């Protein structure tokens, strides 16, 4: 496209160019305006999830991507503790942790009269929830697994819910805390076992301690 040299012609040419650009964009702008109207109409008649404070809900959790699609899992239940204008504050039943969640990520589970059973407790605990460790209490040798187990106290849970966890897994999740606990134990083989597990490319020994029933306790106990 040839650009004119005269000032008057340049002005006219620029105006024609602007008109051409507007004509080019007009269909797109009109479609965008129509889409905006449709969205407002849908929002007007959309039903907002009607959760009451105290209700139990499930929350969607994105686990991973598979072939560029998100895989969503419903976990919970959580209890609704507050209803805001655009979100709900929910509390996890086990940990007590609260978070704000958009209504589209929640679905109704039960009202406030829900009876929490042991089966429900086990179901919630099996959802891959990561609980913070409160304390490592004592250790024992498991001859079937050929590994030590440590009695773990979890933050937010009752002492009766303490659990024996294999050091093979703890050495991956909390290596520093496990090493600190091992150094307070009066058992050389336990210390060596943990040292082998917490070092890259090292393998723990499968040899049990002299007393297979021996429990290793922290000196702080």
N, C-alpha and C. Protein backbone atom coordinates (compact mmCIF):
# COMPACT_ATOMS: atom_id res chain seq x y z
N UNK A 1 0.86 -1.19 0.00
CA UNK A 1 0.00 0.00 0.00
C UNK A 1 0.89 1.23 0.00
N UNK A 2 0.65 2.10 -0.95
CA UNK A 2 1.47 3.30 -1.10
C UNK A 2 0.97 4.39 -0.18
N UNK A 3 1.89 5.00 0.55
CA UNK A 3 1.54 6.09 1.48
C UNK A 3 1.70 7.41 0.75
N UNK A 4 0.66 8.27 0.75
CA UNK A 4 0.75 9.57 0.06
C UNK A 4 1.76 10.48 0.74
N UNK A 5 2.23 11.45 -0.02
CA UNK A 5 3.24 12.36 0.50
C UNK A 5 2.64 13.67 1.00
N UNK A 6 1.53 14.14 0.42
CA UNK A 6 0.92 15.41 0.80
C UNK A 6 0.23 15.29 2.16
N UNK A 7 0.35 16.31 3.03
CA UNK A 7 -0.27 16.26 4.36
C UNK A 7 -1.77 16.00 4.30
N UNK A 8 -2.48 16.70 3.36
CA UNK A 8 -3.93 16.51 3.26
C UNK A 8 -4.27 15.08 2.87
N UNK A 9 -3.50 14.55 1.94
CA UNK A 9 -3.75 13.18 1.47
C UNK A 9 -3.42 12.16 2.56
N UNK A 10 -2.39 12.48 3.36
CA UNK A 10 -2.03 11.56 4.45
C UNK A 10 -3.16 11.46 5.47
N UNK A 11 -3.79 12.63 5.79
CA UNK A 11 -4.89 12.63 6.74
C UNK A 11 -6.06 11.80 6.25
N UNK A 12 -6.38 11.96 4.98
CA UNK A 12 -7.48 11.20 4.40
C UNK A 12 -7.16 9.70 4.37
N UNK A 13 -5.90 9.41 4.06
CA UNK A 13 -5.47 8.01 4.01
C UNK A 13 -5.55 7.35 5.39
N UNK A 14 -5.16 8.10 6.44
CA UNK A 14 -5.22 7.58 7.80
C UNK A 14 -6.65 7.31 8.23
N UNK A 15 -7.57 8.20 7.85
CA UNK A 15 -8.98 8.01 8.19
C UNK A 15 -9.53 6.75 7.52
N UNK A 16 -9.16 6.56 6.27
CA UNK A 16 -9.61 5.36 5.56
C UNK A 16 -9.04 4.09 6.22
N UNK A 17 -7.81 4.18 6.68
CA UNK A 17 -7.19 3.04 7.35
C UNK A 17 -7.91 2.70 8.65
N UNK A 18 -8.25 3.76 9.41
CA UNK A 18 -8.97 3.53 10.67
C UNK A 18 -10.34 2.90 10.41
N UNK A 19 -11.02 3.37 9.38
CA UNK A 19 -12.33 2.81 9.04
C UNK A 19 -12.22 1.34 8.64
N UNK A 20 -11.15 1.03 7.91
CA UNK A 20 -10.95 -0.36 7.50
C UNK A 20 -10.70 -1.26 8.71
N UNK A 21 -9.92 -0.76 9.66
CA UNK A 21 -9.64 -1.55 10.87
C UNK A 21 -10.91 -1.75 11.68
N UNK A 22 -11.72 -0.67 11.80
CA UNK A 22 -12.98 -0.80 12.55
C UNK A 22 -13.91 -1.80 11.88
N UNK A 23 -13.97 -1.75 10.56
CA UNK A 23 -14.83 -2.69 9.84
C UNK A 23 -14.35 -4.13 10.02
N UNK A 24 -13.03 -4.28 10.09
CA UNK A 24 -12.46 -5.61 10.27
C UNK A 24 -12.78 -6.17 11.66
N UNK A 25 -12.74 -5.29 12.67
CA UNK A 25 -12.96 -5.73 14.04
C UNK A 25 -14.43 -5.74 14.45
N UNK A 26 -15.29 -5.14 13.66
CA UNK A 26 -16.70 -5.00 14.06
C UNK A 26 -17.37 -6.34 14.35
N UNK A 27 -17.25 -7.35 13.48
CA UNK A 27 -17.90 -8.64 13.79
C UNK A 27 -17.42 -9.24 15.10
N UNK A 28 -16.13 -9.12 15.38
CA UNK A 28 -15.59 -9.67 16.61
C UNK A 28 -16.13 -8.93 17.83
N UNK A 29 -16.20 -7.59 17.76
CA UNK A 29 -16.71 -6.81 18.87
C UNK A 29 -18.19 -7.09 19.11
N UNK A 30 -18.95 -7.26 18.02
CA UNK A 30 -20.37 -7.56 18.17
C UNK A 30 -20.58 -8.92 18.82
N UNK A 31 -19.77 -9.90 18.42
CA UNK A 31 -19.89 -11.23 19.01
C UNK A 31 -19.50 -11.21 20.49
N UNK A 32 -18.49 -10.42 20.83
CA UNK A 32 -18.09 -10.30 22.22
C UNK A 32 -19.20 -9.67 23.06
N UNK A 33 -19.85 -8.66 22.50
CA UNK A 33 -20.96 -8.03 23.21
C UNK A 33 -22.11 -9.00 23.42
N UNK A 34 -22.41 -9.81 22.39
CA UNK A 34 -23.48 -10.80 22.53
C UNK A 34 -23.13 -11.85 23.59
N UNK A 35 -21.85 -12.24 23.63
CA UNK A 35 -21.43 -13.22 24.62
C UNK A 35 -21.54 -12.66 26.03
N UNK A 36 -21.22 -11.38 26.18
CA UNK A 36 -21.35 -10.73 27.49
C UNK A 36 -22.80 -10.74 27.96
N UNK A 37 -23.72 -10.45 27.03
CA UNK A 37 -25.15 -10.47 27.37
C UNK A 37 -25.58 -11.88 27.77
N UNK A 38 -25.11 -12.88 27.03
CA UNK A 38 -25.46 -14.26 27.36
C UNK A 38 -24.93 -14.66 28.73
N UNK A 39 -23.70 -14.24 29.03
CA UNK A 39 -23.12 -14.58 30.33
C UNK A 39 -23.90 -13.95 31.48
N UNK A 40 -24.30 -12.69 31.29
CA UNK A 40 -25.07 -12.02 32.34
C UNK A 40 -26.42 -12.69 32.52
N UNK A 41 -27.03 -13.13 31.40
CA UNK A 41 -28.32 -13.79 31.50
C UNK A 41 -28.18 -15.12 32.24
N UNK A 42 -27.10 -15.86 31.96
CA UNK A 42 -26.88 -17.13 32.64
C UNK A 42 -26.62 -16.93 34.12
N UNK A 43 -25.86 -15.90 34.47
CA UNK A 43 -25.59 -15.62 35.87
C UNK A 43 -26.85 -15.22 36.62
N UNK A 44 -27.76 -14.55 35.91
CA UNK A 44 -29.00 -14.10 36.54
C UNK A 44 -29.85 -15.27 36.98
N UNK A 45 -29.89 -16.30 36.14
CA UNK A 45 -30.76 -17.44 36.43
C UNK A 45 -30.01 -18.63 37.03
N UNK A 46 -28.71 -18.49 37.20
CA UNK A 46 -27.94 -19.59 37.78
C UNK A 46 -28.27 -19.75 39.25
N UNK A 47 -28.31 -20.98 39.71
CA UNK A 47 -28.62 -21.26 41.11
C UNK A 47 -27.31 -21.36 41.89
N UNK A 48 -27.13 -20.48 42.84
CA UNK A 48 -25.94 -20.52 43.68
C UNK A 48 -26.09 -21.67 44.68
N UNK A 49 -25.04 -22.45 44.86
CA UNK A 49 -25.12 -23.55 45.82
C UNK A 49 -25.61 -23.04 47.17
N UNK A 50 -26.60 -23.70 47.71
CA UNK A 50 -27.23 -23.24 48.95
C UNK A 50 -26.71 -24.07 50.12
N UNK A 51 -25.52 -23.75 50.59
CA UNK A 51 -24.95 -24.43 51.74
C UNK A 51 -25.21 -23.60 52.99
N UNK A 52 -25.56 -24.27 54.06
CA UNK A 52 -25.74 -23.60 55.35
C UNK A 52 -24.52 -23.84 56.21
N UNK A 53 -24.24 -22.88 57.08
CA UNK A 53 -23.15 -23.06 58.03
C UNK A 53 -23.44 -24.30 58.87
N UNK A 54 -22.47 -25.18 58.94
CA UNK A 54 -22.65 -26.44 59.65
C UNK A 54 -22.80 -27.63 58.73
N UNK A 55 -23.19 -27.37 57.46
CA UNK A 55 -23.32 -28.45 56.50
C UNK A 55 -21.96 -29.07 56.19
N UNK A 56 -21.99 -30.32 55.76
CA UNK A 56 -20.77 -31.00 55.32
C UNK A 56 -20.76 -31.06 53.80
N UNK A 57 -19.62 -30.74 53.22
CA UNK A 57 -19.48 -30.69 51.77
C UNK A 57 -18.24 -31.47 51.34
N UNK A 58 -18.20 -31.81 50.06
CA UNK A 58 -17.01 -32.38 49.45
C UNK A 58 -16.32 -31.31 48.63
N UNK A 59 -15.02 -31.38 48.57
CA UNK A 59 -14.23 -30.39 47.82
C UNK A 59 -13.50 -31.08 46.69
N UNK A 60 -13.50 -30.46 45.53
CA UNK A 60 -12.80 -31.04 44.39
C UNK A 60 -11.30 -30.76 44.50
N UNK A 61 -10.52 -31.79 44.22
CA UNK A 61 -9.06 -31.67 44.27
C UNK A 61 -8.49 -32.15 42.96
N UNK A 62 -7.66 -31.32 42.34
CA UNK A 62 -7.02 -31.70 41.08
C UNK A 62 -5.79 -32.52 41.42
N UNK A 63 -5.81 -33.79 41.02
CA UNK A 63 -4.71 -34.69 41.35
C UNK A 63 -3.56 -34.60 40.36
N UNK A 64 -3.88 -34.59 39.05
CA UNK A 64 -2.83 -34.62 38.05
C UNK A 64 -3.43 -34.30 36.68
N UNK A 65 -2.57 -34.20 35.70
CA UNK A 65 -3.01 -34.00 34.33
C UNK A 65 -2.81 -35.29 33.55
N UNK A 66 -3.81 -35.63 32.76
CA UNK A 66 -3.73 -36.84 31.94
C UNK A 66 -4.19 -36.49 30.54
N UNK A 67 -3.27 -36.54 29.59
CA UNK A 67 -3.58 -36.16 28.21
C UNK A 67 -4.16 -34.74 28.17
N UNK A 68 -3.51 -33.83 28.91
CA UNK A 68 -3.88 -32.41 28.93
C UNK A 68 -5.25 -32.18 29.56
N UNK A 69 -5.77 -33.15 30.29
CA UNK A 69 -7.04 -32.97 30.99
C UNK A 69 -6.80 -33.13 32.49
N UNK A 70 -7.46 -32.28 33.27
CA UNK A 70 -7.31 -32.34 34.71
C UNK A 70 -8.15 -33.47 35.28
N UNK A 71 -7.56 -34.27 36.17
CA UNK A 71 -8.29 -35.32 36.85
C UNK A 71 -8.69 -34.81 38.22
N UNK A 72 -9.98 -34.75 38.48
CA UNK A 72 -10.50 -34.16 39.71
C UNK A 72 -11.05 -35.26 40.61
N UNK A 73 -10.70 -35.18 41.88
CA UNK A 73 -11.21 -36.11 42.89
C UNK A 73 -11.95 -35.33 43.96
N UNK A 74 -13.09 -35.85 44.39
CA UNK A 74 -13.85 -35.20 45.46
C UNK A 74 -13.38 -35.76 46.79
N UNK A 75 -12.92 -34.89 47.69
CA UNK A 75 -12.40 -35.31 48.98
C UNK A 75 -13.15 -34.60 50.10
N UNK A 76 -13.06 -35.15 51.28
CA UNK A 76 -13.74 -34.57 52.42
C UNK A 76 -14.31 -35.67 53.32
N UNK A 77 -15.30 -35.34 54.12
CA UNK A 77 -16.03 -34.08 54.06
C UNK A 77 -15.36 -32.93 54.82
N UNK A 78 -15.69 -31.71 54.37
CA UNK A 78 -15.36 -30.49 55.06
C UNK A 78 -16.65 -29.93 55.66
N UNK A 79 -16.52 -29.12 56.69
CA UNK A 79 -17.70 -28.49 57.28
C UNK A 79 -17.69 -27.00 56.97
N UNK A 80 -18.83 -26.49 56.51
CA UNK A 80 -18.96 -25.07 56.19
C UNK A 80 -19.00 -24.28 57.49
N UNK A 81 -18.09 -23.31 57.62
CA UNK A 81 -18.04 -22.50 58.84
C UNK A 81 -18.40 -21.04 58.58
N UNK A 82 -18.41 -20.64 57.30
CA UNK A 82 -18.77 -19.26 56.98
C UNK A 82 -19.17 -19.18 55.52
N UNK A 83 -20.20 -18.37 55.24
CA UNK A 83 -20.64 -18.14 53.86
C UNK A 83 -20.35 -16.70 53.48
N UNK A 84 -19.43 -16.49 52.55
CA UNK A 84 -19.12 -15.16 52.05
C UNK A 84 -19.87 -14.91 50.75
N UNK A 85 -19.69 -13.73 50.18
CA UNK A 85 -20.45 -13.37 48.97
C UNK A 85 -20.06 -14.22 47.77
N UNK A 86 -18.79 -14.57 47.66
CA UNK A 86 -18.34 -15.32 46.48
C UNK A 86 -17.61 -16.61 46.83
N UNK A 87 -17.60 -17.00 48.09
CA UNK A 87 -16.90 -18.22 48.48
C UNK A 87 -17.44 -18.72 49.81
N UNK A 88 -17.02 -19.92 50.16
CA UNK A 88 -17.37 -20.49 51.45
C UNK A 88 -16.09 -20.83 52.20
N UNK A 89 -16.10 -20.57 53.49
CA UNK A 89 -14.99 -20.99 54.34
C UNK A 89 -15.34 -22.37 54.88
N UNK A 90 -14.46 -23.34 54.62
CA UNK A 90 -14.71 -24.71 55.06
C UNK A 90 -13.56 -25.19 55.94
N UNK A 91 -13.89 -26.08 56.88
CA UNK A 91 -12.89 -26.60 57.81
C UNK A 91 -12.77 -28.11 57.61
N UNK A 92 -11.52 -28.57 57.46
CA UNK A 92 -11.31 -30.01 57.32
C UNK A 92 -11.61 -30.70 58.64
N UNK A 93 -12.32 -31.80 58.56
CA UNK A 93 -12.81 -32.45 59.77
C UNK A 93 -11.68 -33.02 60.63
N UNK A 94 -10.61 -33.50 60.02
CA UNK A 94 -9.52 -34.10 60.80
C UNK A 94 -8.53 -33.06 61.32
N UNK A 95 -8.05 -32.19 60.44
CA UNK A 95 -6.97 -31.27 60.81
C UNK A 95 -7.46 -29.96 61.40
N UNK A 96 -8.70 -29.59 61.12
CA UNK A 96 -9.22 -28.31 61.57
C UNK A 96 -8.76 -27.14 60.73
N UNK A 97 -8.01 -27.40 59.65
CA UNK A 97 -7.53 -26.33 58.79
C UNK A 97 -8.68 -25.74 57.99
N UNK A 98 -8.74 -24.40 57.95
CA UNK A 98 -9.79 -23.70 57.22
C UNK A 98 -9.25 -23.13 55.91
N UNK A 99 -10.11 -23.07 54.90
CA UNK A 99 -9.72 -22.50 53.61
C UNK A 99 -10.96 -21.94 52.93
N UNK A 100 -10.75 -20.94 52.08
CA UNK A 100 -11.83 -20.35 51.30
C UNK A 100 -11.91 -21.06 49.95
N UNK A 101 -13.11 -21.49 49.59
CA UNK A 101 -13.30 -22.28 48.38
C UNK A 101 -14.46 -21.71 47.57
N UNK A 102 -14.27 -21.64 46.26
CA UNK A 102 -15.35 -21.17 45.37
C UNK A 102 -16.47 -22.20 45.36
N UNK A 103 -17.74 -21.74 45.31
CA UNK A 103 -18.88 -22.68 45.33
C UNK A 103 -18.83 -23.75 44.26
N UNK A 104 -18.25 -23.42 43.10
CA UNK A 104 -18.19 -24.40 42.01
C UNK A 104 -17.29 -25.58 42.34
N UNK A 105 -16.46 -25.43 43.38
CA UNK A 105 -15.54 -26.50 43.78
C UNK A 105 -16.10 -27.32 44.94
N UNK A 106 -17.34 -27.09 45.30
CA UNK A 106 -17.96 -27.79 46.42
C UNK A 106 -19.23 -28.48 45.99
N UNK A 107 -19.56 -29.57 46.67
CA UNK A 107 -20.87 -30.18 46.48
C UNK A 107 -21.37 -30.74 47.81
N UNK A 108 -22.67 -30.72 47.95
CA UNK A 108 -23.30 -31.09 49.22
C UNK A 108 -23.02 -32.54 49.58
N UNK A 109 -22.77 -32.78 50.88
CA UNK A 109 -22.52 -34.13 51.37
C UNK A 109 -23.55 -34.53 52.43
N UNK A 110 -23.72 -33.71 53.47
CA UNK A 110 -24.69 -34.02 54.52
C UNK A 110 -24.92 -32.76 55.36
N UNK A 111 -26.03 -32.76 56.11
CA UNK A 111 -26.28 -31.60 56.95
C UNK A 111 -25.53 -31.75 58.27
N UNK A 112 -25.76 -30.80 59.18
CA UNK A 112 -24.98 -30.74 60.41
C UNK A 112 -25.25 -31.90 61.36
N UNK A 113 -26.27 -32.70 61.08
CA UNK A 113 -26.59 -33.84 61.95
C UNK A 113 -25.77 -35.08 61.62
N UNK A 114 -24.82 -34.95 60.69
CA UNK A 114 -24.00 -36.09 60.29
C UNK A 114 -23.31 -36.72 61.50
N UNK A 115 -23.43 -38.03 61.63
CA UNK A 115 -22.75 -38.77 62.68
C UNK A 115 -21.41 -39.28 62.14
N UNK A 116 -20.33 -38.83 62.74
CA UNK A 116 -19.00 -39.21 62.28
C UNK A 116 -18.65 -40.58 62.87
N UNK A 117 -18.58 -41.58 62.02
CA UNK A 117 -18.29 -42.94 62.45
C UNK A 117 -16.82 -43.26 62.25
N UNK A 118 -16.40 -44.40 62.79
CA UNK A 118 -15.02 -44.83 62.61
C UNK A 118 -14.73 -45.11 61.14
N UNK A 119 -15.73 -45.66 60.43
CA UNK A 119 -15.56 -45.92 59.00
C UNK A 119 -15.32 -44.62 58.24
N UNK A 120 -16.06 -43.58 58.60
CA UNK A 120 -15.88 -42.29 57.94
C UNK A 120 -14.52 -41.71 58.27
N UNK A 121 -14.09 -41.87 59.51
CA UNK A 121 -12.77 -41.39 59.92
C UNK A 121 -11.67 -42.06 59.09
N UNK A 122 -11.78 -43.37 58.91
CA UNK A 122 -10.78 -44.10 58.13
C UNK A 122 -10.82 -43.68 56.66
N UNK A 123 -12.02 -43.41 56.16
CA UNK A 123 -12.15 -42.98 54.77
C UNK A 123 -11.45 -41.64 54.55
N UNK A 124 -11.65 -40.72 55.48
CA UNK A 124 -11.02 -39.40 55.36
C UNK A 124 -9.51 -39.52 55.46
N UNK A 125 -9.04 -40.34 56.39
CA UNK A 125 -7.60 -40.49 56.60
C UNK A 125 -6.92 -41.14 55.41
N UNK A 126 -7.68 -41.87 54.59
CA UNK A 126 -7.11 -42.60 53.46
C UNK A 126 -7.14 -41.79 52.17
N UNK A 127 -7.40 -40.49 52.25
CA UNK A 127 -7.53 -39.68 51.05
C UNK A 127 -6.22 -39.04 50.62
N UNK A 128 -5.11 -39.52 51.14
CA UNK A 128 -3.83 -38.96 50.75
C UNK A 128 -3.53 -37.65 51.45
N UNK A 129 -4.21 -37.41 52.57
CA UNK A 129 -4.01 -36.18 53.32
C UNK A 129 -2.64 -36.20 53.99
N UNK A 130 -1.91 -35.12 53.89
CA UNK A 130 -0.61 -35.01 54.53
C UNK A 130 -0.77 -34.27 55.85
N UNK A 131 -0.54 -34.97 56.95
CA UNK A 131 -0.67 -34.38 58.27
C UNK A 131 0.71 -33.99 58.80
N UNK A 132 0.82 -32.85 59.46
CA UNK A 132 2.10 -32.46 60.05
C UNK A 132 2.42 -33.33 61.26
N UNK A 133 3.69 -33.67 61.41
CA UNK A 133 4.13 -34.51 62.51
C UNK A 133 4.30 -33.66 63.76
N UNK A 134 3.74 -34.14 64.86
CA UNK A 134 3.90 -33.46 66.14
C UNK A 134 5.12 -33.97 66.88
N UNK A 135 5.29 -35.29 66.91
CA UNK A 135 6.39 -35.88 67.68
C UNK A 135 6.65 -37.31 67.22
N UNK A 136 7.92 -37.69 67.25
CA UNK A 136 8.30 -39.09 67.05
C UNK A 136 8.57 -39.66 68.44
N UNK A 137 7.82 -40.70 68.82
CA UNK A 137 7.84 -41.15 70.20
C UNK A 137 8.79 -42.32 70.46
N UNK A 138 8.66 -43.40 69.72
CA UNK A 138 9.50 -44.57 69.94
C UNK A 138 9.59 -45.37 68.65
N UNK A 139 10.48 -46.34 68.64
CA UNK A 139 10.69 -47.15 67.44
C UNK A 139 10.73 -48.62 67.79
N UNK A 140 10.44 -49.45 66.81
CA UNK A 140 10.49 -50.90 67.00
C UNK A 140 10.89 -51.56 65.68
N UNK A 141 11.39 -52.78 65.76
CA UNK A 141 11.79 -53.53 64.57
C UNK A 141 10.63 -54.39 64.10
N UNK A 142 10.32 -54.31 62.79
CA UNK A 142 9.29 -55.14 62.19
C UNK A 142 9.99 -56.20 61.34
N UNK A 143 10.02 -57.42 61.85
CA UNK A 143 10.78 -58.47 61.16
C UNK A 143 10.12 -58.89 59.85
N UNK A 144 8.81 -58.70 59.72
CA UNK A 144 8.14 -59.05 58.47
C UNK A 144 8.50 -58.07 57.36
N UNK A 145 8.51 -56.78 57.70
CA UNK A 145 8.87 -55.75 56.72
C UNK A 145 10.37 -55.55 56.62
N UNK A 146 11.11 -56.11 57.59
CA UNK A 146 12.55 -55.92 57.66
C UNK A 146 12.90 -54.44 57.66
N UNK A 147 12.20 -53.74 58.52
CA UNK A 147 12.39 -52.29 58.63
C UNK A 147 11.94 -51.86 60.02
N UNK A 148 12.48 -50.74 60.46
CA UNK A 148 12.01 -50.17 61.72
C UNK A 148 10.71 -49.41 61.47
N UNK A 149 9.92 -49.30 62.52
CA UNK A 149 8.72 -48.48 62.51
C UNK A 149 8.82 -47.50 63.67
N UNK A 150 8.30 -46.29 63.45
CA UNK A 150 8.33 -45.26 64.47
C UNK A 150 6.90 -44.87 64.82
N UNK A 151 6.63 -44.74 66.11
CA UNK A 151 5.31 -44.31 66.56
C UNK A 151 5.23 -42.79 66.40
N UNK A 152 4.32 -42.34 65.52
CA UNK A 152 4.22 -40.93 65.16
C UNK A 152 2.98 -40.32 65.79
N UNK A 153 3.17 -39.17 66.42
CA UNK A 153 2.06 -38.37 66.93
C UNK A 153 1.79 -37.25 65.93
N UNK A 154 0.51 -37.08 65.54
CA UNK A 154 0.15 -36.14 64.48
C UNK A 154 -0.49 -34.88 65.06
N UNK A 155 -0.12 -33.74 64.53
CA UNK A 155 -0.73 -32.48 64.95
C UNK A 155 -2.20 -32.46 64.57
N UNK A 156 -3.03 -32.06 65.52
CA UNK A 156 -4.47 -31.97 65.25
C UNK A 156 -5.22 -33.24 65.55
N UNK A 157 -4.51 -34.34 65.87
CA UNK A 157 -5.17 -35.61 66.17
C UNK A 157 -4.95 -35.98 67.63
N UNK A 158 -5.79 -36.86 68.12
CA UNK A 158 -5.71 -37.30 69.50
C UNK A 158 -4.60 -38.35 69.66
N UNK A 159 -4.07 -38.49 70.89
CA UNK A 159 -3.01 -39.49 71.12
C UNK A 159 -3.41 -40.90 70.73
N UNK A 160 -4.71 -41.22 70.86
CA UNK A 160 -5.16 -42.56 70.50
C UNK A 160 -4.99 -42.84 69.01
N UNK A 161 -4.81 -41.75 68.22
CA UNK A 161 -4.66 -41.89 66.77
C UNK A 161 -3.20 -41.93 66.33
N UNK A 162 -2.27 -41.99 67.30
CA UNK A 162 -0.87 -42.18 66.94
C UNK A 162 -0.73 -43.46 66.12
N UNK A 163 0.20 -43.47 65.18
CA UNK A 163 0.32 -44.63 64.29
C UNK A 163 1.79 -45.01 64.09
N UNK A 164 2.00 -46.31 63.87
CA UNK A 164 3.33 -46.82 63.57
C UNK A 164 3.59 -46.68 62.07
N UNK A 165 4.63 -45.94 61.73
CA UNK A 165 4.96 -45.68 60.33
C UNK A 165 6.35 -46.24 60.02
N UNK A 166 6.54 -46.85 58.84
CA UNK A 166 7.85 -47.41 58.48
C UNK A 166 8.87 -46.30 58.25
N UNK A 167 10.09 -46.54 58.72
CA UNK A 167 11.13 -45.53 58.53
C UNK A 167 11.52 -45.37 57.08
N UNK A 168 11.25 -46.40 56.26
CA UNK A 168 11.55 -46.26 54.82
C UNK A 168 10.77 -45.11 54.22
N UNK A 169 9.53 -44.91 54.68
CA UNK A 169 8.73 -43.80 54.18
C UNK A 169 9.06 -42.51 54.92
N UNK A 170 9.25 -42.59 56.22
CA UNK A 170 9.58 -41.39 56.99
C UNK A 170 10.90 -40.77 56.55
N UNK A 171 11.84 -41.60 56.12
CA UNK A 171 13.14 -41.09 55.67
C UNK A 171 12.99 -40.24 54.40
N UNK A 172 11.90 -40.44 53.67
CA UNK A 172 11.63 -39.63 52.48
C UNK A 172 10.84 -38.38 52.83
N UNK A 173 9.89 -38.52 53.78
CA UNK A 173 9.00 -37.41 54.11
C UNK A 173 9.62 -36.42 55.09
N UNK A 174 10.27 -36.94 56.14
CA UNK A 174 10.83 -36.07 57.19
C UNK A 174 12.24 -36.54 57.55
N UNK A 175 13.19 -36.52 56.62
CA UNK A 175 14.53 -37.06 56.90
C UNK A 175 15.26 -36.36 58.04
N UNK A 176 15.13 -35.04 58.13
CA UNK A 176 15.84 -34.29 59.17
C UNK A 176 15.29 -34.64 60.55
N UNK A 177 13.97 -34.61 60.67
CA UNK A 177 13.34 -34.93 61.95
C UNK A 177 13.63 -36.36 62.37
N UNK A 178 13.62 -37.28 61.41
CA UNK A 178 13.90 -38.68 61.71
C UNK A 178 15.34 -38.86 62.17
N UNK A 179 16.27 -38.18 61.52
CA UNK A 179 17.68 -38.27 61.91
C UNK A 179 17.90 -37.72 63.30
N UNK A 180 17.24 -36.59 63.61
CA UNK A 180 17.35 -36.01 64.95
C UNK A 180 16.82 -36.97 66.00
N UNK A 181 15.71 -37.63 65.68
CA UNK A 181 15.14 -38.60 66.62
C UNK A 181 16.09 -39.78 66.82
N UNK A 182 16.70 -40.24 65.73
CA UNK A 182 17.60 -41.40 65.82
C UNK A 182 18.81 -41.10 66.70
N UNK A 183 19.30 -39.87 66.64
CA UNK A 183 20.50 -39.53 67.43
C UNK A 183 20.21 -39.53 68.93
N UNK A 184 18.93 -39.43 69.30
CA UNK A 184 18.59 -39.46 70.72
C UNK A 184 18.29 -40.88 71.21
N UNK A 185 18.31 -41.84 70.30
CA UNK A 185 17.98 -43.22 70.65
C UNK A 185 19.23 -43.97 71.11
N UNK A 186 19.08 -44.77 72.13
CA UNK A 186 20.20 -45.53 72.68
C UNK A 186 20.29 -46.89 71.98
N UNK A 187 20.46 -46.83 70.65
CA UNK A 187 20.55 -48.08 69.87
C UNK A 187 21.38 -47.81 68.63
N UNK A 188 22.59 -48.35 68.62
CA UNK A 188 23.53 -48.08 67.53
C UNK A 188 23.00 -48.59 66.19
N UNK A 189 22.39 -49.79 66.19
CA UNK A 189 21.90 -50.36 64.93
C UNK A 189 20.76 -49.53 64.35
N UNK A 190 19.92 -49.00 65.22
CA UNK A 190 18.83 -48.14 64.75
C UNK A 190 19.40 -46.87 64.11
N UNK A 191 20.41 -46.30 64.74
CA UNK A 191 21.04 -45.10 64.19
C UNK A 191 21.66 -45.39 62.83
N UNK A 192 22.35 -46.53 62.70
CA UNK A 192 22.97 -46.89 61.43
C UNK A 192 21.91 -47.16 60.36
N UNK A 193 20.82 -47.78 60.76
CA UNK A 193 19.73 -48.08 59.83
C UNK A 193 19.15 -46.79 59.26
N UNK A 194 18.90 -45.83 60.12
CA UNK A 194 18.33 -44.55 59.68
C UNK A 194 19.34 -43.80 58.82
N UNK A 195 20.61 -43.84 59.20
CA UNK A 195 21.64 -43.15 58.41
C UNK A 195 21.71 -43.72 57.01
N UNK A 196 21.56 -45.04 56.88
CA UNK A 196 21.60 -45.67 55.55
C UNK A 196 20.39 -45.26 54.72
N UNK A 197 19.22 -45.14 55.36
CA UNK A 197 18.01 -44.79 54.63
C UNK A 197 17.98 -43.33 54.20
N UNK A 198 18.58 -42.47 54.98
CA UNK A 198 18.51 -41.04 54.69
C UNK A 198 19.63 -40.56 53.78
N UNK A 199 20.54 -41.46 53.41
CA UNK A 199 21.60 -41.09 52.48
C UNK A 199 21.30 -41.65 51.10
N UNK A 200 21.46 -40.83 50.08
CA UNK A 200 21.18 -41.22 48.71
C UNK A 200 22.04 -42.40 48.29
N UNK A 201 21.38 -43.35 47.58
CA UNK A 201 22.05 -44.52 47.02
C UNK A 201 22.56 -45.49 48.09
N UNK A 202 22.08 -45.31 49.35
CA UNK A 202 22.43 -46.26 50.40
C UNK A 202 21.25 -47.16 50.65
N UNK A 203 21.51 -48.39 51.05
CA UNK A 203 20.45 -49.34 51.31
C UNK A 203 20.48 -49.73 52.78
N UNK A 204 19.31 -49.78 53.45
CA UNK A 204 19.28 -50.17 54.86
C UNK A 204 19.58 -51.65 55.02
N UNK A 205 20.15 -51.99 56.16
CA UNK A 205 20.42 -53.40 56.42
C UNK A 205 19.14 -54.14 56.74
N UNK A 206 19.06 -55.40 56.32
CA UNK A 206 17.90 -56.23 56.61
C UNK A 206 18.09 -57.04 57.88
N UNK A 207 19.22 -56.88 58.53
CA UNK A 207 19.51 -57.67 59.73
C UNK A 207 18.79 -57.09 60.93
N UNK A 208 17.98 -57.87 61.64
CA UNK A 208 17.25 -57.35 62.78
C UNK A 208 18.18 -57.09 63.95
N UNK A 209 17.76 -56.30 64.90
CA UNK A 209 18.58 -56.05 66.08
C UNK A 209 18.66 -57.29 66.94
N UNK A 210 19.57 -57.33 67.92
CA UNK A 210 19.71 -58.51 68.77
C UNK A 210 18.39 -58.91 69.41
N UNK A 211 17.63 -57.96 69.85
CA UNK A 211 16.32 -58.23 70.43
C UNK A 211 15.26 -57.69 69.50
N UNK A 212 14.59 -58.56 68.75
CA UNK A 212 13.62 -58.12 67.74
C UNK A 212 12.44 -57.41 68.35
N UNK A 213 12.19 -57.58 69.64
CA UNK A 213 11.06 -56.94 70.28
C UNK A 213 11.44 -55.62 70.94
N UNK A 214 12.73 -55.30 70.85
CA UNK A 214 13.22 -54.11 71.53
C UNK A 214 12.59 -52.86 70.96
N UNK A 215 12.16 -51.96 71.81
CA UNK A 215 11.61 -50.68 71.39
C UNK A 215 12.63 -49.60 71.69
N UNK A 216 12.88 -48.74 70.70
CA UNK A 216 13.84 -47.66 70.86
C UNK A 216 13.09 -46.40 71.20
N UNK A 217 13.40 -45.80 72.32
CA UNK A 217 12.69 -44.62 72.77
C UNK A 217 13.62 -43.43 72.79
N UNK A 218 13.00 -42.26 72.63
CA UNK A 218 13.77 -41.02 72.68
C UNK A 218 14.26 -40.78 74.09
N UNK A 219 15.45 -40.22 74.23
CA UNK A 219 15.98 -39.89 75.54
C UNK A 219 15.16 -38.80 76.21
N UNK A 220 14.41 -38.06 75.38
CA UNK A 220 13.61 -36.97 75.93
C UNK A 220 12.34 -37.50 76.59
N UNK A 221 11.97 -38.78 76.36
CA UNK A 221 10.76 -39.34 76.95
C UNK A 221 10.95 -39.56 78.45
